[in-house]
Structures are given as C-alpha cells and as structure tokens.
Amino acid sequence: MTLGRDTAITYLGHSTFRLQSPGGKQILIDPWVMTNPMCPDNLKNVDDLDLVLITHGHMDHFADALPVLQASGATAVGMFEIAAWLNAKGIENAIGMNKGGSQQVEGITITAVHADHSSAIQDGEQTVYGGEACGYVIEFENGFTIYNTGDTALFGDMRLIAEMHQPDLLMLPIGDHFTMGPAAAAQAIRLTGATRVLPMHYGTFPLLTGTPEKLRELTTDIPDLQIYDIKPGEKLV
C-alpha cells in the first residue's frame, strides 16, 4: 500500500511499529518486539534504532524496552515517570516529557498529547507507577505528521489535537475491552477529520474483538477514507 512522503511504516504487530523517516532515522513506537507473539521472527532484531517512543508502561507496549534500548543505544522518549524508571535501570539516554510539551529529537518533532488510559510497569513482582498514558504527534523532517493516539478511550479533545497539528495519518486502537472498539474509533475518525487511518491494538488476544472490517462498515459515510489494513510484517511506503 502507498503512504508516500518518503516515509515507511512496518507493522510489527499489536501496537508496535517501526518507522523510517524521510531523513533515514529508524524509529520504534512501543517496544514490544522479542516477546510479541504477533511480531514476525525476521523483524525481532531491532538493534539499529535511533529513537524509541513509549506511550505507556503496560507490558504489551513496554515489555522489551530494556533489551531494545540496550542493544540499539537509541534515545528513548516517554512520560517523565517512564524515563525515570529507565534511567534507574541504567538507560542514560531516556528523555522524559509530559502532555502538551514538544521537543525535537533526531530532527523529528515529538509532541505528547492526552490519552485516556492507565499506565503501570511490571518490575519483577512489583507494579510500579508509570505516570499517565499518552499519545504522540510525530512531525518528520519534511513535515509529514502522524498522530498515534496510544491506547485510549474516545475523548472530545481529539478534535483539538487534529485541528492544531493537522496530521496526515491517524494511528488508533480498535480492539475494544482495553481501548476503543470500532464504534468509538469510527467517531474518533470523524472528530479528527482523518482520511488515512492505520488501525492497531487488535487481534492479539481473544478479548480484542474489534476488526478493521468492522471499522470499515461503520465509516462508509466518510468520503475518501483510506483504512490501511496491514498485517504484521507488512509495510506502508
């Protein structure tokens, strides 16, 4: 499928994506790779990354953060509490931020935005507070912009985020139970005015019953909408 704008996105399963920016930077969103049952074996080696974005501390987004960052030496970006936990584990190049803030890392502008979800880190037998969950608006070197909502429920300020940043691509969960299902995701598409959508967080576990097909059924009224139903291992370029 064609994405354009000199950007490539490879789906590693669940909510984990590998992105190549127009400037050649290698970016991973939510480091659940080696232990992710949906990630193809030939894509589990991610030691050549420049940047890792972490939306929250739940294991299906964060379980492989330490080995990924240790192997790659990439800069990690996450909420303040996530970065503090990584620093305490010996990851020096973890940059904490908070909702509403923006920063430029590796030539890419990252804005942390609201997500309506929880966050906690499983540290052995302990459950550690992980701050709040977030989404990210990612603006690449050539202006191409992605709004990755992270794990979230539907909330009205998605409209404001889209009005302010005018994303070219919306990445949003559709699995239901822990996040939006297709009905709420369809409304999120309407709120943001998105015309290009990449679904995530579905199909990994039996509880995640939402599907891209159902999302399509609920959005037939939206003109020119493209829903990219890509499978783990497939790439948008």
C-alpha atoms as a PDB file:
ATOM      1  CA  MET A   1       0.000   0.000   0.000  1.00  0.00           C
ATOM      2  CA  THR A   2       1.162   3.520  -0.746  1.00  0.00           C
ATOM      3  CA  LEU A   3       1.805   6.023   2.005  1.00  0.00           C
ATOM      4  CA  GLY A   4       4.109   8.482   0.231  1.00  0.00           C
ATOM      5  CA  ARG A   5       6.074  11.435   1.561  1.00  0.00           C
ATOM      6  CA  ASP A   6       9.323   9.412   1.764  1.00  0.00           C
ATOM      7  CA  THR A   7       8.191   7.650   4.937  1.00  0.00           C
ATOM      8  CA  ALA A   8       7.996   3.886   5.581  1.00  0.00           C
ATOM      9  CA  ILE A   9       5.986   2.181   8.319  1.00  0.00           C
ATOM     10  CA  THR A  10       6.380  -1.513   9.126  1.00  0.00           C
ATOM     11  CA  TYR A  11       3.789  -3.127  11.384  1.00  0.00           C
ATOM     12  CA  LEU A  12       5.360  -5.409  13.990  1.00  0.00           C
ATOM     13  CA  GLY A  13       2.021  -6.479  15.468  1.00  0.00           C
ATOM     14  CA  HIS A  14      -0.338  -5.239  18.182  1.00  0.00           C
ATOM     15  CA  SER A  15       0.642  -1.560  18.639  1.00  0.00           C
ATOM     16  CA  THR A  16       4.318  -1.758  17.721  1.00  0.00           C
ATOM     17  CA  PHE A  17       5.533  -0.017  14.581  1.00  0.00           C
ATOM     18  CA  ARG A  18       8.896   0.589  13.014  1.00  0.00           C
ATOM     19  CA  LEU A  19       9.147   3.850  11.078  1.00  0.00           C
ATOM     20  CA  GLN A  20      11.781   5.173   8.712  1.00  0.00           C
ATOM     21  CA  SER A  21      11.744   8.943   8.476  1.00  0.00           C
ATOM     22  CA  PRO A  22      12.462  10.905   5.274  1.00  0.00           C
ATOM     23  CA  GLY A  23      15.887  11.662   6.776  1.00  0.00           C
ATOM     24  CA  GLY A  24      16.611   7.961   7.277  1.00  0.00           C
ATOM     25  CA  LYS A  25      16.032   7.837  11.047  1.00  0.00           C
ATOM     26  CA  GLN A  26      14.854   4.498  12.440  1.00  0.00           C
ATOM     27  CA  ILE A  27      12.056   4.847  14.982  1.00  0.00           C
ATOM     28  CA  LEU A  28      10.207   2.258  17.061  1.00  0.00           C
ATOM     29  CA  ILE A  29       6.840   3.002  18.659  1.00  0.00           C
ATOM     30  CA  ASP A  30       6.150   0.908  21.774  1.00  0.00           C
ATOM     31  CA  PRO A  31       8.945  -1.656  22.258  1.00  0.00           C
ATOM     32  CA  TRP A  32       7.114  -4.982  22.449  1.00  0.00           C
ATOM     33  CA  VAL A  33       9.133  -6.964  19.941  1.00  0.00           C
ATOM     34  CA  MET A  34      11.008 -10.087  21.045  1.00  0.00           C
ATOM     35  CA  THR A  35       8.166 -11.355  23.261  1.00  0.00           C
ATOM     36  CA  ASN A  36       5.382 -10.100  20.964  1.00  0.00           C
ATOM     37  CA  PRO A  37       3.617 -13.189  19.534  1.00  0.00           C
ATOM     38  CA  MET A  38       2.442 -11.183  16.513  1.00  0.00           C
ATOM     39  CA  CYS A  39       5.890  -9.918  15.506  1.00  0.00           C
ATOM     40  CA  PRO A  40       7.468 -11.978  12.698  1.00  0.00           C
ATOM     41  CA  ASP A  41      10.733 -13.639  13.743  1.00  0.00           C
ATOM     42  CA  ASN A  42      12.716 -11.911  10.997  1.00  0.00           C
ATOM     43  CA  LEU A  43      11.764  -8.478  12.407  1.00  0.00           C
ATOM     44  CA  LYS A  44      12.614  -9.089  16.063  1.00  0.00           C
ATOM     45  CA  ASN A  45      16.158  -7.757  15.665  1.00  0.00           C
ATOM     46  CA  VAL A  46      15.879  -4.005  16.291  1.00  0.00           C
ATOM     47  CA  ASP A  47      19.416  -3.067  17.265  1.00  0.00           C
ATOM     48  CA  ASP A  48      19.759  -0.349  14.611  1.00  0.00           C
ATOM     49  CA  LEU A  49      17.291   2.188  16.023  1.00  0.00           C
ATOM     50  CA  ASP A  50      17.746   5.925  16.538  1.00  0.00           C
ATOM     51  CA  LEU A  51      14.614   6.659  18.569  1.00  0.00           C
ATOM     52  CA  VAL A  52      12.097   4.704  20.663  1.00  0.00           C
ATOM     53  CA  LEU A  53       8.751   6.271  21.595  1.00  0.00           C
ATOM     54  CA  ILE A  54       6.876   4.788  24.557  1.00  0.00           C
ATOM     55  CA  THR A  55       3.193   5.588  25.082  1.00  0.00           C
ATOM     56  CA  HIS A  56       2.800   3.874  28.471  1.00  0.00           C
ATOM     57  CA  GLY A  57       4.148   1.145  30.714  1.00  0.00           C
ATOM     58  CA  HIS A  58       1.824  -1.805  30.127  1.00  0.00           C
ATOM     59  CA  MET A  59       3.651  -4.961  29.114  1.00  0.00           C
ATOM     60  CA  ASP A  60       2.091  -5.171  25.646  1.00  0.00           C
ATOM     61  CA  HIS A  61       3.785  -1.862  24.820  1.00  0.00           C
ATOM     62  CA  PHE A  62       6.849  -1.839  27.064  1.00  0.00           C
ATOM     63  CA  ALA A  63       7.919  -5.399  27.903  1.00  0.00           C
ATOM     64  CA  ASP A  64      11.062  -5.341  25.752  1.00  0.00           C
ATOM     65  CA  ALA A  65      12.091  -1.727  26.412  1.00  0.00           C
ATOM     66  CA  LEU A  66      15.283  -2.567  28.290  1.00  0.00           C
ATOM     67  CA  PRO A  67      16.766  -5.105  25.839  1.00  0.00           C
ATOM     68  CA  VAL A  68      15.758  -2.980  22.842  1.00  0.00           C
ATOM     69  CA  LEU A  69      17.376   0.150  24.253  1.00  0.00           C
ATOM     70  CA  GLN A  70      20.467  -1.700  25.474  1.00  0.00           C
ATOM     71  CA  ALA A  71      21.021  -3.346  22.094  1.00  0.00           C
ATOM     72  CA  SER A  72      20.341  -0.273  19.962  1.00  0.00           C
ATOM     73  CA  GLY A  73      21.611   2.624  22.067  1.00  0.00           C
ATOM     74  CA  ALA A  74      18.583   4.557  20.783  1.00  0.00           C
ATOM     75  CA  THR A  75      17.198   7.618  22.516  1.00  0.00           C
ATOM     76  CA  ALA A  76      14.012   6.783  24.425  1.00  0.00           C
ATOM     77  CA  VAL A  77      11.153   9.249  24.818  1.00  0.00           C
ATOM     78  CA  GLY A  78       8.349   8.684  27.307  1.00  0.00           C
ATOM     79  CA  MET A  79       6.417  10.282  30.096  1.00  0.00           C
ATOM     80  CA  PHE A  80       8.530  11.589  32.982  1.00  0.00           C
ATOM     81  CA  GLU A  81       7.931   8.536  35.173  1.00  0.00           C
ATOM     82  CA  ILE A  82       8.728   6.080  32.372  1.00  0.00           C
ATOM     83  CA  ALA A  83      12.015   7.856  31.636  1.00  0.00           C
ATOM     84  CA  ALA A  84      12.897   7.957  35.343  1.00  0.00           C
ATOM     85  CA  TRP A  85      12.371   4.176  35.598  1.00  0.00           C
ATOM     86  CA  LEU A  86      14.558   3.610  32.538  1.00  0.00           C
ATOM     87  CA  ASN A  87      17.263   5.909  33.963  1.00  0.00           C
ATOM     88  CA  ALA A  88      17.204   3.892  37.191  1.00  0.00           C
ATOM     89  CA  LYS A  89      17.760   0.726  35.135  1.00  0.00           C
ATOM     90  CA  GLY A  90      20.877   2.192  33.523  1.00  0.00           C
ATOM     91  CA  ILE A  91      19.398   3.703  30.347  1.00  0.00           C
ATOM     92  CA  GLU A  92      21.056   7.128  30.285  1.00  0.00           C
ATOM     93  CA  ASN A  93      19.544   8.472  27.081  1.00  0.00           C
ATOM     94  CA  ALA A  94      15.882   8.352  28.168  1.00  0.00           C
ATOM     95  CA  ILE A  95      14.163  11.721  27.899  1.00  0.00           C
ATOM     96  CA  GLY A  96      11.060  12.341  29.981  1.00  0.00           C
ATOM     97  CA  MET A  97       8.320  14.714  28.900  1.00  0.00           C
ATOM     98  CA  ASN A  98       4.677  15.381  29.646  1.00  0.00           C
ATOM     99  CA  LYS A  99       1.418  16.107  27.887  1.00  0.00           C
ATOM    100  CA  GLY A 100       1.326  19.336  25.923  1.00  0.00           C
ATOM    101  CA  GLY A 101       5.100  19.521  25.625  1.00  0.00           C
ATOM    102  CA  SER A 102       7.071  19.250  22.403  1.00  0.00           C
ATOM    103  CA  GLN A 103      10.708  18.506  21.755  1.00  0.00           C
ATOM    104  CA  GLN A 104      12.927  17.800  18.772  1.00  0.00           C
ATOM    105  CA  VAL A 105      14.924  14.580  18.805  1.00  0.00           C
ATOM    106  CA  GLU A 106      16.996  13.362  15.835  1.00  0.00           C
ATOM    107  CA  GLY A 107      15.438  16.120  13.721  1.00  0.00           C
ATOM    108  CA  ILE A 108      11.901  14.912  14.466  1.00  0.00           C
ATOM    109  CA  THR A 109       9.393  16.983  16.460  1.00  0.00           C
ATOM    110  CA  ILE A 110       7.517  14.989  19.089  1.00  0.00           C
ATOM    111  CA  THR A 111       4.503  16.324  20.974  1.00  0.00           C
ATOM    112  CA  ALA A 112       3.000  14.340  23.847  1.00  0.00           C
ATOM    113  CA  VAL A 113      -0.789  14.534  23.852  1.00  0.00           C
ATOM    114  CA  HIS A 114      -3.560  13.242  26.044  1.00  0.00           C
ATOM    115  CA  ALA A 115      -4.680   9.613  26.074  1.00  0.00           C
ATOM    116  CA  ASP A 116      -7.487   8.305  28.260  1.00  0.00           C
ATOM    117  CA  HIS A 117      -5.890   5.166  29.692  1.00  0.00           C
ATOM    118  CA  SER A 118      -3.825   3.891  32.631  1.00  0.00           C
ATOM    119  CA  SER A 119      -0.107   3.108  32.871  1.00  0.00           C
ATOM    120  CA  ALA A 120       1.952   0.844  35.116  1.00  0.00           C
ATOM    121  CA  ILE A 121       5.251  -1.027  34.835  1.00  0.00           C
ATOM    122  CA  GLN A 122       5.669  -4.645  35.909  1.00  0.00           C
ATOM    123  CA  ASP A 123       9.090  -4.696  37.575  1.00  0.00           C
ATOM    124  CA  GLY A 124       9.542  -8.284  38.695  1.00  0.00           C
ATOM    125  CA  GLU A 125       6.789  -8.898  41.247  1.00  0.00           C
ATOM    126  CA  GLN A 126       6.215  -5.177  41.753  1.00  0.00           C
ATOM    127  CA  THR A 127       3.797  -2.939  39.916  1.00  0.00           C
ATOM    128  CA  VAL A 128       5.401   0.484  39.533  1.00  0.00           C
ATOM    129  CA  TYR A 129       3.536   3.712  38.802  1.00  0.00           C
ATOM    130  CA  GLY A 130       4.188   4.696  35.208  1.00  0.00           C
ATOM    131  CA  GLY A 131       2.667   8.162  35.143  1.00  0.00           C
ATOM    132  CA  GLU A 132      -0.216   8.674  32.741  1.00  0.00           C
ATOM    133  CA  ALA A 133      -0.549   7.153  29.312  1.00  0.00           C
ATOM    134  CA  CYS A 134      -0.078   9.456  26.335  1.00  0.00           C
ATOM    135  CA  GLY A 135      -0.291   9.659  22.580  1.00  0.00           C
ATOM    136  CA  TYR A 136       2.206  11.325  20.268  1.00  0.00           C
ATOM    137  CA  VAL A 137       2.082  13.703  17.350  1.00  0.00           C
ATOM    138  CA  ILE A 138       5.218  12.993  15.299  1.00  0.00           C
ATOM    139  CA  GLU A 139       6.316  15.532  12.700  1.00  0.00           C
ATOM    140  CA  PHE A 140       9.056  14.305  10.383  1.00  0.00           C
ATOM    141  CA  GLU A 141      11.795  16.311   8.693  1.00  0.00           C
ATOM    142  CA  ASN A 142       9.653  17.048   5.619  1.00  0.00           C
ATOM    143  CA  GLY A 143       6.509  17.980   7.569  1.00  0.00           C
ATOM    144  CA  PHE A 144       4.714  14.629   7.248  1.00  0.00           C
ATOM    145  CA  THR A 145       2.818  14.232  10.519  1.00  0.00           C
ATOM    146  CA  ILE A 146       1.420  11.183  12.328  1.00  0.00           C
ATOM    147  CA  TYR A 147      -0.996  11.234  15.253  1.00  0.00           C
ATOM    148  CA  ASN A 148      -0.550   7.999  17.206  1.00  0.00           C
ATOM    149  CA  THR A 149      -3.267   8.079  19.863  1.00  0.00           C
ATOM    150  CA  GLY A 150      -1.690   5.374  22.023  1.00  0.00           C
ATOM    151  CA  ASP A 151      -4.072   3.177  23.980  1.00  0.00           C
ATOM    152  CA  THR A 152      -7.096   5.330  24.670  1.00  0.00           C
ATOM    153  CA  ALA A 153     -10.819   5.692  25.032  1.00  0.00           C
ATOM    154  CA  LEU A 154     -12.636   8.173  22.827  1.00  0.00           C
ATOM    155  CA  PHE A 155     -12.360  11.774  24.059  1.00  0.00           C
ATOM    156  CA  GLY A 156     -13.572  15.011  22.555  1.00  0.00           C
ATOM    157  CA  ASP A 157     -10.242  16.831  22.534  1.00  0.00           C
ATOM    158  CA  MET A 158      -9.044  14.568  19.750  1.00  0.00           C
ATOM    159  CA  ARG A 159     -10.687  17.215  17.581  1.00  0.00           C
ATOM    160  CA  LEU A 160      -8.458  19.940  19.056  1.00  0.00           C
ATOM    161  CA  ILE A 161      -5.302  17.845  18.651  1.00  0.00           C
ATOM    162  CA  ALA A 162      -6.129  17.330  14.989  1.00  0.00           C
ATOM    163  CA  GLU A 163      -7.025  20.988  14.443  1.00  0.00           C
ATOM    164  CA  MET A 164      -3.723  22.094  15.927  1.00  0.00           C
ATOM    165  CA  HIS A 165      -1.407  19.578  14.263  1.00  0.00           C
ATOM    166  CA  GLN A 166      -3.296  18.591  11.083  1.00  0.00           C
ATOM    167  CA  PRO A 167      -1.904  15.041  10.949  1.00  0.00           C
ATOM    168  CA  ASP A 168      -1.539  13.246   7.631  1.00  0.00           C
ATOM    169  CA  LEU A 169      -2.061   9.811   9.210  1.00  0.00           C
ATOM    170  CA  LEU A 170      -4.062   8.670  12.239  1.00  0.00           C
ATOM    171  CA  MET A 171      -2.961   5.531  14.129  1.00  0.00           C
ATOM    172  CA  LEU A 172      -5.605   4.394  16.604  1.00  0.00           C
ATOM    173  CA  PRO A 173      -6.654   1.298  18.570  1.00  0.00           C
ATOM    174  CA  ILE A 174      -9.773  -0.638  17.568  1.00  0.00           C
ATOM    175  CA  GLY A 175      -9.635  -3.844  19.632  1.00  0.00           C
ATOM    176  CA  ASP A 176     -12.171  -2.912  22.350  1.00  0.00           C
ATOM    177  CA  HIS A 177     -12.140  -4.081  26.003  1.00  0.00           C
ATOM    178  CA  PHE A 178      -8.962  -2.176  26.981  1.00  0.00           C
ATOM    179  CA  THR A 179      -9.284   0.632  24.403  1.00  0.00           C
ATOM    180  CA  MET A 180     -11.714   1.996  21.851  1.00  0.00           C
ATOM    181  CA  GLY A 181     -13.587  -0.520  19.779  1.00  0.00           C
ATOM    182  CA  PRO A 182     -14.621   0.059  16.171  1.00  0.00           C
ATOM    183  CA  ALA A 183     -17.668   2.196  17.028  1.00  0.00           C
ATOM    184  CA  ALA A 184     -15.679   4.642  19.151  1.00  0.00           C
ATOM    185  CA  ALA A 185     -12.780   4.549  16.678  1.00  0.00           C
ATOM    186  CA  ALA A 186     -15.190   5.488  13.889  1.00  0.00           C
ATOM    187  CA  GLN A 187     -16.242   8.509  15.903  1.00  0.00           C
ATOM    188  CA  ALA A 188     -12.576   9.389  16.528  1.00  0.00           C
ATOM    189  CA  ILE A 189     -12.059   9.428  12.764  1.00  0.00           C
ATOM    190  CA  ARG A 190     -14.974  11.832  12.424  1.00  0.00           C
ATOM    191  CA  LEU A 191     -13.686  14.055  15.231  1.00  0.00           C
ATOM    192  CA  THR A 192     -10.213  14.319  13.742  1.00  0.00           C
ATOM    193  CA  GLY A 193     -11.307  14.586  10.128  1.00  0.00           C
ATOM    194  CA  ALA A 194      -8.800  11.861   9.258  1.00  0.00           C
ATOM    195  CA  THR A 195      -8.765  10.457   5.739  1.00  0.00           C
ATOM    196  CA  ARG A 196      -5.891   7.996   6.250  1.00  0.00           C
ATOM    197  CA  VAL A 197      -6.124   5.616   9.195  1.00  0.00           C
ATOM    198  CA  LEU A 198      -3.888   2.809  10.424  1.00  0.00           C
ATOM    199  CA  PRO A 199      -5.665   0.565  12.991  1.00  0.00           C
ATOM    200  CA  MET A 200      -3.762  -1.064  15.853  1.00  0.00           C
ATOM    201  CA  HIS A 201      -4.215  -2.957  19.142  1.00  0.00           C
ATOM    202  CA  TYR A 202      -6.499  -5.692  17.812  1.00  0.00           C
ATOM    203  CA  GLY A 203      -6.415  -9.429  17.247  1.00  0.00           C
ATOM    204  CA  THR A 204      -3.518 -10.221  19.585  1.00  0.00           C
ATOM    205  CA  PHE A 205      -5.671 -11.689  22.371  1.00  0.00           C
ATOM    206  CA  PRO A 206      -9.216 -13.169  22.287  1.00  0.00           C
ATOM    207  CA  LEU A 207     -10.534 -10.203  24.280  1.00  0.00           C
ATOM    208  CA  LEU A 208      -9.588  -7.810  21.466  1.00  0.00           C
ATOM    209  CA  THR A 209     -12.548  -8.439  19.193  1.00  0.00           C
ATOM    210  CA  GLY A 210     -12.553  -5.269  17.055  1.00  0.00           C
ATOM    211  CA  THR A 211     -11.513  -5.623  13.416  1.00  0.00           C
ATOM    212  CA  PRO A 212     -10.610  -3.333  10.507  1.00  0.00           C
ATOM    213  CA  GLU A 213     -13.550  -4.842   8.605  1.00  0.00           C
ATOM    214  CA  LYS A 214     -15.978  -3.652  11.285  1.00  0.00           C
ATOM    215  CA  LEU A 215     -14.347  -0.220  11.296  1.00  0.00           C
ATOM    216  CA  ARG A 216     -14.886  -0.021   7.532  1.00  0.00           C
ATOM    217  CA  GLU A 217     -18.563  -0.947   7.953  1.00  0.00           C
ATOM    218  CA  LEU A 218     -19.022   1.908  10.409  1.00  0.00           C
ATOM    219  CA  THR A 219     -17.280   4.540   8.288  1.00  0.00           C
ATOM    220  CA  THR A 220     -18.778   4.030   4.829  1.00  0.00           C
ATOM    221  CA  ASP A 221     -20.254   7.545   5.079  1.00  0.00           C
ATOM    222  CA  ILE A 222     -16.813   9.223   5.289  1.00  0.00           C
ATOM    223  CA  PRO A 223     -15.643  10.332   1.835  1.00  0.00           C
ATOM    224  CA  ASP A 224     -12.161   9.391   0.586  1.00  0.00           C
ATOM    225  CA  LEU A 225     -11.309   7.465   3.766  1.00  0.00           C
ATOM    226  CA  GLN A 226      -8.419   5.002   3.460  1.00  0.00           C
ATOM    227  CA  ILE A 227      -8.108   2.376   6.199  1.00  0.00           C
ATOM    228  CA  TYR A 228      -4.768   0.582   5.917  1.00  0.00           C
ATOM    229  CA  ASP A 229      -5.432  -3.000   6.998  1.00  0.00           C
ATOM    230  CA  ILE A 230      -1.836  -4.213   7.056  1.00  0.00           C
ATOM    231  CA  LYS A 231      -0.731  -7.439   8.682  1.00  0.00           C
ATOM    232  CA  PRO A 232       2.300  -7.886  10.967  1.00  0.00           C
ATOM    233  CA  GLY A 233       5.400  -7.780   8.802  1.00  0.00           C
ATOM    234  CA  GLU A 234       3.804  -5.698   6.068  1.00  0.00           C
ATOM    235  CA  LYS A 235       4.993  -2.207   5.179  1.00  0.00           C
ATOM    236  CA  LEU A 236       3.467   1.072   4.070  1.00  0.00           C
ATOM    237  CA  VAL A 237       5.775   3.120   1.841  1.00  0.00           C
END
